[in-house]
Amino acid sequence: QLQLVEAGGALVQAGGSLRLSCAASGSILGINTMGWYRQAPGKQRELVADITSGGKRNYADFVKGRFTISRNNAKNKLYLEMNSLKPEDTAVYYCNYRRIYGSIDVWGQGTQVTVSS
């Protein structure tokens, strides 16, 4: 079973930048979608961005133009480049791996991003 480990969360001031990474324990080759989701206290988990194994990207409106999702299949890693951070970006950010074949849906443990005013 694939395992995901996020890293890079930190405390940052508004307007700052962070790069999150997600390391998969195995190959991420094949047909799949990997993404970043976030959950703030008292809120539902929401999609931030995702990217297919073919490189097709999808972004939530609230991060479009500020965040960039990417993946390095050779390194079995997923990244989220976060720029122009806002206090409302404060949340736990989770890495996700999803594959229809085999009904696979894997989540990491999350990494805390806190953006101060």
N, C-alpha and C. Protein backbone atom coordinates (compact mmCIF):
# COMPACT_ATOMS: atom_id res chain seq x y z
N GLN A 1 0.84 -1.19 0.00
CA GLN A 1 0.00 0.00 0.00
C GLN A 1 0.88 1.25 0.00
N LEU A 2 0.57 2.17 -0.86
CA LEU A 2 1.30 3.41 -0.97
C LEU A 2 1.11 4.25 0.30
N GLN A 3 2.17 4.90 0.74
CA GLN A 3 2.10 5.82 1.86
C GLN A 3 2.62 7.18 1.43
N LEU A 4 2.03 8.23 1.99
CA LEU A 4 2.38 9.59 1.64
C LEU A 4 2.83 10.36 2.88
N VAL A 5 3.89 11.12 2.74
CA VAL A 5 4.41 11.92 3.83
C VAL A 5 4.62 13.35 3.35
N GLU A 6 3.90 14.28 3.96
CA GLU A 6 4.02 15.68 3.60
C GLU A 6 5.11 16.36 4.42
N ALA A 7 5.64 17.42 3.86
CA ALA A 7 6.63 18.23 4.56
C ALA A 7 6.58 19.65 4.02
N GLY A 8 7.11 20.57 4.78
CA GLY A 8 7.24 21.93 4.33
C GLY A 8 6.32 22.94 4.97
N GLY A 9 5.34 22.48 5.73
CA GLY A 9 4.46 23.41 6.40
C GLY A 9 5.21 24.22 7.43
N ALA A 10 4.79 25.46 7.60
CA ALA A 10 5.48 26.36 8.51
C ALA A 10 4.61 27.56 8.82
N LEU A 11 5.12 28.39 9.72
CA LEU A 11 4.52 29.68 10.01
C LEU A 11 5.16 30.70 9.08
N VAL A 12 4.34 31.44 8.38
CA VAL A 12 4.84 32.43 7.43
C VAL A 12 3.95 33.67 7.49
N GLN A 13 4.53 34.80 7.22
CA GLN A 13 3.76 36.04 7.19
C GLN A 13 2.98 36.18 5.90
N ALA A 14 1.89 36.91 5.97
CA ALA A 14 1.10 37.18 4.78
C ALA A 14 1.97 37.76 3.68
N GLY A 15 1.75 37.26 2.48
CA GLY A 15 2.56 37.68 1.35
C GLY A 15 3.77 36.80 1.10
N GLY A 16 4.05 35.93 2.03
CA GLY A 16 5.20 35.06 1.91
C GLY A 16 4.94 33.84 1.06
N SER A 17 5.94 32.98 1.00
CA SER A 17 5.87 31.79 0.15
C SER A 17 6.31 30.54 0.91
N LEU A 18 5.79 29.42 0.48
CA LEU A 18 6.18 28.13 1.01
C LEU A 18 6.14 27.11 -0.11
N ARG A 19 6.94 26.08 0.02
CA ARG A 19 6.89 24.95 -0.89
C ARG A 19 6.60 23.69 -0.08
N LEU A 20 5.48 23.08 -0.36
CA LEU A 20 5.13 21.83 0.28
C LEU A 20 5.57 20.67 -0.60
N SER A 21 5.95 19.59 0.03
CA SER A 21 6.30 18.40 -0.72
C SER A 21 5.59 17.19 -0.14
N CYS A 22 5.38 16.22 -0.97
CA CYS A 22 4.74 14.98 -0.57
C CYS A 22 5.56 13.85 -1.17
N ALA A 23 6.09 13.02 -0.31
CA ALA A 23 6.90 11.90 -0.76
C ALA A 23 6.09 10.61 -0.68
N ALA A 24 5.99 9.93 -1.79
CA ALA A 24 5.30 8.65 -1.84
C ALA A 24 6.28 7.52 -1.58
N SER A 25 5.81 6.50 -0.91
CA SER A 25 6.68 5.38 -0.55
C SER A 25 6.98 4.45 -1.71
N GLY A 26 6.24 4.62 -2.78
CA GLY A 26 6.43 3.79 -3.95
C GLY A 26 6.22 4.59 -5.22
N SER A 27 6.24 3.89 -6.31
CA SER A 27 6.09 4.52 -7.61
C SER A 27 4.72 5.19 -7.77
N ILE A 28 4.73 6.37 -8.38
CA ILE A 28 3.48 7.06 -8.70
C ILE A 28 3.22 7.04 -10.20
N LEU A 29 3.92 6.18 -10.88
CA LEU A 29 3.66 5.97 -12.30
C LEU A 29 2.31 5.28 -12.48
N GLY A 30 1.81 5.32 -13.66
CA GLY A 30 0.51 4.76 -13.94
C GLY A 30 -0.54 5.84 -13.99
N ILE A 31 -1.77 5.45 -14.22
CA ILE A 31 -2.86 6.41 -14.34
C ILE A 31 -3.39 6.75 -12.96
N ASN A 32 -3.17 7.97 -12.54
CA ASN A 32 -3.60 8.38 -11.22
C ASN A 32 -3.71 9.90 -11.16
N THR A 33 -4.27 10.37 -10.08
CA THR A 33 -4.33 11.80 -9.80
C THR A 33 -3.79 12.04 -8.41
N MET A 34 -2.92 13.00 -8.28
CA MET A 34 -2.43 13.40 -6.98
C MET A 34 -2.83 14.84 -6.73
N GLY A 35 -3.10 15.15 -5.49
CA GLY A 35 -3.56 16.48 -5.20
C GLY A 35 -3.26 16.94 -3.79
N TRP A 36 -3.48 18.22 -3.61
CA TRP A 36 -3.39 18.84 -2.30
C TRP A 36 -4.77 19.31 -1.86
N TYR A 37 -5.11 18.97 -0.66
CA TYR A 37 -6.35 19.41 -0.03
C TYR A 37 -5.99 20.12 1.26
N ARG A 38 -6.90 20.93 1.74
CA ARG A 38 -6.64 21.59 3.01
C ARG A 38 -7.89 21.61 3.87
N GLN A 39 -7.67 21.68 5.16
CA GLN A 39 -8.76 21.74 6.11
C GLN A 39 -8.41 22.69 7.24
N ALA A 40 -9.22 23.71 7.38
CA ALA A 40 -9.06 24.66 8.47
C ALA A 40 -9.98 24.24 9.61
N PRO A 41 -9.67 24.68 10.83
CA PRO A 41 -10.52 24.33 11.97
C PRO A 41 -11.97 24.71 11.74
N GLY A 42 -12.87 23.76 11.98
CA GLY A 42 -14.28 24.02 11.81
C GLY A 42 -14.77 24.02 10.38
N LYS A 43 -13.88 23.73 9.45
CA LYS A 43 -14.24 23.74 8.03
C LYS A 43 -14.10 22.35 7.43
N GLN A 44 -14.76 22.15 6.32
CA GLN A 44 -14.63 20.89 5.60
C GLN A 44 -13.33 20.89 4.79
N ARG A 45 -12.85 19.70 4.53
CA ARG A 45 -11.69 19.56 3.67
C ARG A 45 -12.05 20.04 2.27
N GLU A 46 -11.15 20.77 1.65
CA GLU A 46 -11.41 21.29 0.33
C GLU A 46 -10.21 21.08 -0.59
N LEU A 47 -10.51 20.91 -1.84
CA LEU A 47 -9.47 20.73 -2.84
C LEU A 47 -8.72 22.04 -3.04
N VAL A 48 -7.41 21.95 -3.06
CA VAL A 48 -6.56 23.09 -3.39
C VAL A 48 -6.15 22.99 -4.86
N ALA A 49 -5.59 21.86 -5.22
CA ALA A 49 -5.16 21.62 -6.59
C ALA A 49 -4.89 20.14 -6.77
N ASP A 50 -5.01 19.67 -7.98
CA ASP A 50 -4.59 18.32 -8.27
C ASP A 50 -3.94 18.24 -9.64
N ILE A 51 -3.30 17.14 -9.90
CA ILE A 51 -2.58 16.95 -11.14
C ILE A 51 -2.60 15.48 -11.50
N THR A 52 -2.93 15.19 -12.74
CA THR A 52 -2.97 13.81 -13.18
C THR A 52 -1.57 13.33 -13.52
N SER A 53 -1.46 12.03 -13.69
CA SER A 53 -0.18 11.45 -14.09
C SER A 53 0.25 11.96 -15.46
N GLY A 54 -0.71 12.41 -16.25
CA GLY A 54 -0.41 12.99 -17.54
C GLY A 54 -0.07 14.46 -17.50
N GLY A 55 -0.15 15.07 -16.32
CA GLY A 55 0.24 16.46 -16.16
C GLY A 55 -0.88 17.48 -16.26
N LYS A 56 -2.11 17.03 -16.31
CA LYS A 56 -3.23 17.96 -16.36
C LYS A 56 -3.50 18.52 -14.96
N ARG A 57 -3.50 19.83 -14.85
CA ARG A 57 -3.66 20.50 -13.56
C ARG A 57 -5.05 21.10 -13.38
N ASN A 58 -5.48 21.10 -12.14
CA ASN A 58 -6.75 21.69 -11.77
C ASN A 58 -6.54 22.47 -10.48
N TYR A 59 -7.05 23.71 -10.43
CA TYR A 59 -6.87 24.56 -9.26
C TYR A 59 -8.20 25.07 -8.75
N ALA A 60 -8.28 25.17 -7.44
CA ALA A 60 -9.41 25.87 -6.84
C ALA A 60 -9.29 27.35 -7.17
N ASP A 61 -10.43 28.01 -7.29
CA ASP A 61 -10.42 29.42 -7.65
C ASP A 61 -9.63 30.28 -6.66
N PHE A 62 -9.68 29.91 -5.40
CA PHE A 62 -9.05 30.75 -4.39
C PHE A 62 -7.53 30.69 -4.38
N VAL A 63 -6.95 29.78 -5.15
CA VAL A 63 -5.49 29.72 -5.22
C VAL A 63 -4.96 29.94 -6.63
N LYS A 64 -5.84 30.02 -7.58
CA LYS A 64 -5.42 30.16 -8.97
C LYS A 64 -4.60 31.44 -9.14
N GLY A 65 -3.45 31.28 -9.76
CA GLY A 65 -2.55 32.40 -9.95
C GLY A 65 -1.56 32.59 -8.83
N ARG A 66 -1.77 31.91 -7.72
CA ARG A 66 -0.87 32.02 -6.57
C ARG A 66 -0.11 30.73 -6.30
N PHE A 67 -0.78 29.60 -6.49
CA PHE A 67 -0.17 28.30 -6.19
C PHE A 67 0.12 27.55 -7.48
N THR A 68 1.12 26.71 -7.43
CA THR A 68 1.45 25.86 -8.56
C THR A 68 1.68 24.44 -8.07
N ILE A 69 0.95 23.51 -8.65
CA ILE A 69 1.13 22.11 -8.30
C ILE A 69 2.00 21.45 -9.36
N SER A 70 2.85 20.56 -8.92
CA SER A 70 3.71 19.83 -9.84
C SER A 70 4.05 18.46 -9.26
N ARG A 71 4.56 17.61 -10.11
CA ARG A 71 4.96 16.28 -9.65
C ARG A 71 6.22 15.87 -10.35
N ASN A 72 7.01 15.09 -9.67
CA ASN A 72 8.22 14.53 -10.22
C ASN A 72 8.09 13.02 -10.08
N ASN A 73 7.69 12.39 -11.16
CA ASN A 73 7.44 10.96 -11.11
C ASN A 73 8.70 10.15 -10.85
N ALA A 74 9.82 10.63 -11.32
CA ALA A 74 11.08 9.92 -11.10
C ALA A 74 11.45 9.89 -9.62
N LYS A 75 11.04 10.93 -8.89
CA LYS A 75 11.34 11.01 -7.46
C LYS A 75 10.16 10.60 -6.59
N ASN A 76 9.05 10.24 -7.21
CA ASN A 76 7.84 9.85 -6.49
C ASN A 76 7.39 10.97 -5.54
N LYS A 77 7.40 12.19 -6.06
CA LYS A 77 7.07 13.33 -5.22
C LYS A 77 6.05 14.26 -5.86
N LEU A 78 5.28 14.87 -5.02
CA LEU A 78 4.30 15.89 -5.39
C LEU A 78 4.67 17.17 -4.67
N TYR A 79 4.50 18.30 -5.33
CA TYR A 79 4.86 19.59 -4.75
C TYR A 79 3.71 20.58 -4.87
N LEU A 80 3.74 21.54 -3.98
CA LEU A 80 2.84 22.68 -4.07
C LEU A 80 3.64 23.93 -3.75
N GLU A 81 3.83 24.76 -4.75
CA GLU A 81 4.49 26.04 -4.58
C GLU A 81 3.43 27.07 -4.24
N MET A 82 3.56 27.68 -3.09
CA MET A 82 2.57 28.60 -2.58
C MET A 82 3.17 30.00 -2.48
N ASN A 83 2.58 30.92 -3.20
CA ASN A 83 3.03 32.30 -3.20
C ASN A 83 1.90 33.23 -2.77
N SER A 84 2.28 34.43 -2.38
CA SER A 84 1.30 35.45 -1.97
C SER A 84 0.31 34.89 -0.96
N LEU A 85 0.84 34.25 0.04
CA LEU A 85 -0.01 33.60 1.03
C LEU A 85 -0.85 34.60 1.81
N LYS A 86 -2.05 34.18 2.14
CA LYS A 86 -3.00 34.98 2.88
C LYS A 86 -3.35 34.28 4.18
N PRO A 87 -3.78 35.04 5.19
CA PRO A 87 -4.18 34.40 6.45
C PRO A 87 -5.25 33.32 6.25
N GLU A 88 -6.14 33.50 5.29
CA GLU A 88 -7.17 32.51 5.04
C GLU A 88 -6.64 31.22 4.43
N ASP A 89 -5.36 31.19 4.07
CA ASP A 89 -4.74 29.96 3.60
C ASP A 89 -4.33 29.06 4.76
N THR A 90 -4.45 29.56 5.97
CA THR A 90 -4.08 28.79 7.15
C THR A 90 -4.93 27.52 7.23
N ALA A 91 -4.28 26.39 7.29
CA ALA A 91 -4.97 25.10 7.32
C ALA A 91 -3.94 23.99 7.42
N VAL A 92 -4.43 22.80 7.66
CA VAL A 92 -3.61 21.61 7.49
C VAL A 92 -3.74 21.19 6.04
N TYR A 93 -2.62 21.01 5.40
CA TYR A 93 -2.59 20.63 3.99
C TYR A 93 -2.27 19.15 3.86
N TYR A 94 -3.10 18.45 3.11
CA TYR A 94 -2.98 17.02 2.95
C TYR A 94 -2.66 16.64 1.51
N CYS A 95 -1.79 15.68 1.37
CA CYS A 95 -1.46 15.10 0.08
C CYS A 95 -2.39 13.93 -0.18
N ASN A 96 -2.81 13.79 -1.42
CA ASN A 96 -3.73 12.73 -1.79
C ASN A 96 -3.28 12.02 -3.06
N TYR A 97 -3.45 10.73 -3.08
CA TYR A 97 -3.19 9.91 -4.25
C TYR A 97 -4.47 9.15 -4.55
N ARG A 98 -4.94 9.23 -5.77
CA ARG A 98 -6.20 8.61 -6.14
C ARG A 98 -6.05 7.85 -7.44
N ARG A 99 -6.55 6.65 -7.44
CA ARG A 99 -6.48 5.81 -8.63
C ARG A 99 -7.78 5.01 -8.74
N ILE A 100 -8.46 5.17 -9.85
CA ILE A 100 -9.73 4.48 -10.04
C ILE A 100 -9.53 2.97 -10.07
N TYR A 101 -8.54 2.53 -10.83
CA TYR A 101 -8.22 1.11 -10.88
C TYR A 101 -7.75 0.66 -9.51
N GLY A 102 -8.46 -0.30 -8.94
CA GLY A 102 -8.15 -0.75 -7.60
C GLY A 102 -8.82 0.05 -6.51
N SER A 103 -9.57 1.08 -6.89
CA SER A 103 -10.28 1.93 -5.93
C SER A 103 -9.35 2.43 -4.84
N ILE A 104 -8.23 2.99 -5.24
CA ILE A 104 -7.22 3.46 -4.31
C ILE A 104 -7.41 4.94 -3.99
N ASP A 105 -7.42 5.26 -2.72
CA ASP A 105 -7.53 6.65 -2.25
C ASP A 105 -6.68 6.76 -0.99
N VAL A 106 -5.53 7.38 -1.11
CA VAL A 106 -4.55 7.44 -0.03
C VAL A 106 -4.32 8.88 0.40
N TRP A 107 -4.21 9.06 1.70
CA TRP A 107 -3.97 10.38 2.27
C TRP A 107 -2.72 10.40 3.13
N GLY A 108 -2.03 11.52 3.12
CA GLY A 108 -0.93 11.72 4.03
C GLY A 108 -1.43 12.19 5.38
N GLN A 109 -0.50 12.43 6.28
CA GLN A 109 -0.87 12.83 7.63
C GLN A 109 -1.15 14.32 7.76
N GLY A 110 -0.76 15.08 6.78
CA GLY A 110 -0.99 16.51 6.78
C GLY A 110 0.20 17.30 7.31
N THR A 111 0.29 18.53 6.85
CA THR A 111 1.31 19.45 7.33
C THR A 111 0.67 20.81 7.56
N GLN A 112 0.99 21.42 8.68
CA GLN A 112 0.34 22.65 9.08
C GLN A 112 0.96 23.86 8.40
N VAL A 113 0.11 24.66 7.79
CA VAL A 113 0.51 25.94 7.22
C VAL A 113 -0.23 27.03 7.98
N THR A 114 0.52 27.94 8.55
CA THR A 114 -0.07 29.05 9.29
C THR A 114 0.44 30.35 8.70
N VAL A 115 -0.48 31.19 8.29
CA VAL A 115 -0.14 32.48 7.70
C VAL A 115 -0.60 33.57 8.64
N SER A 116 0.33 34.34 9.13
CA SER A 116 0.02 35.40 10.07
C SER A 116 -0.27 36.70 9.34
N SER A 117 -1.04 37.55 9.99
CA SER A 117 -1.40 38.85 9.42
C SER A 117 -0.23 39.81 9.48
